Protein backbone atom coordinates (compact mmCIF):
# COMPACT_ATOMS: atom_id res chain seq x y z
CA MET A 1 -11.48 18.99 -20.03
CA THR A 2 -9.08 21.29 -17.80
CA VAL A 3 -8.61 20.62 -14.80
CA THR A 4 -8.38 23.74 -12.38
CA PRO A 5 -5.87 24.24 -9.95
CA THR A 6 -9.04 23.44 -7.27
CA ALA A 7 -10.30 20.22 -9.34
CA PRO A 8 -8.81 17.22 -7.82
CA ALA A 9 -6.42 14.74 -10.16
CA ARG A 10 -7.28 11.77 -11.23
CA GLN A 11 -4.92 9.19 -9.02
CA PRO A 12 -4.27 6.19 -10.76
CA TRP A 13 -4.77 3.90 -8.79
CA PRO A 14 -8.05 4.02 -5.70
CA MET A 15 -7.54 5.36 -2.38
CA LYS A 16 -7.38 3.08 0.27
CA ALA A 17 -5.61 4.04 4.09
CA LEU A 18 -2.51 2.16 4.34
CA GLY A 19 -3.04 0.55 7.39
CA ALA A 20 -6.28 -1.57 5.69
CA MET A 21 -4.12 -2.46 3.05
CA THR A 22 -2.95 -6.29 1.47
CA ALA A 23 0.87 -6.68 1.68
CA ALA A 24 -0.20 -7.42 -2.37
CA GLU A 25 -1.61 -4.35 -2.56
CA ILE A 26 1.35 -2.30 -0.58
CA LEU A 27 3.89 -4.90 -3.13
CA ALA A 28 2.51 -2.73 -5.95
CA ALA A 29 2.10 0.30 -4.61
CA LEU A 30 5.83 -0.39 -3.15
CA GLU A 31 6.77 -0.84 -7.07
CA ARG A 32 5.17 1.50 -8.60
CA LEU A 33 7.18 3.54 -6.50
CA ALA A 34 10.42 3.05 -8.08
CA CYS A 35 8.82 3.88 -11.36
CA VAL A 36 7.00 7.27 -10.10
CA ARG A 37 9.39 8.71 -7.24
CA PRO A 38 12.45 6.68 -7.52
CA GLU A 39 14.37 9.40 -4.97
CA ASP A 40 11.29 9.19 -2.14
CA ALA A 41 13.63 7.16 0.35
CA ALA A 42 11.14 7.81 2.87
CA LEU A 43 8.10 6.81 1.78
CA GLU A 44 9.93 3.94 0.36
CA ARG A 45 11.44 3.35 4.01
CA ALA A 46 7.46 3.70 5.45
CA LEU A 47 5.80 1.13 3.06
CA HIS A 48 8.29 -1.23 3.64
CA ARG A 49 7.46 -1.31 7.01
CA GLN A 50 3.94 -0.69 6.48
CA LEU A 51 4.71 -4.21 4.35
CA VAL A 52 6.35 -5.99 7.14
CA ARG A 53 2.82 -5.66 9.03
CA ALA A 54 0.36 -6.41 6.39
CA VAL A 55 2.54 -9.63 5.83
CA GLU A 56 2.84 -10.22 9.52
CA ARG A 57 -0.86 -9.17 10.07
CA GLU A 58 -1.72 -11.31 7.11
CA ARG A 59 -0.09 -15.27 8.53
CA ALA A 60 -1.90 -14.64 11.54
CA GLY A 61 -5.23 -14.36 10.44
CA ALA A 62 -4.61 -17.84 8.20
CA ARG A 63 -2.98 -19.62 11.61
CA GLY A 64 -5.95 -18.51 13.51
CA ALA A 65 -8.09 -20.01 10.18
CA ALA A 66 -6.75 -22.54 10.78
CA ALA A 67 -6.90 -23.22 14.16
CA PRO A 68 -9.47 -25.82 15.46
CA ALA A 69 -13.14 -24.60 16.57
């Protein structure tokens, strides 16, 4: 198969909006970033900030699920 300039390259993982990613998915992206683009400090910082938000969101969801109805 030949890749032409207009053909999209295959992604090594499925595309997903950053705000919709789980903490585990963001952590996996950070680990992959270290191999693929270790010099991209801005992206690394953005992913770290989003990781904190995702952890907080997941903790809040867990607390809400544990609250009595």
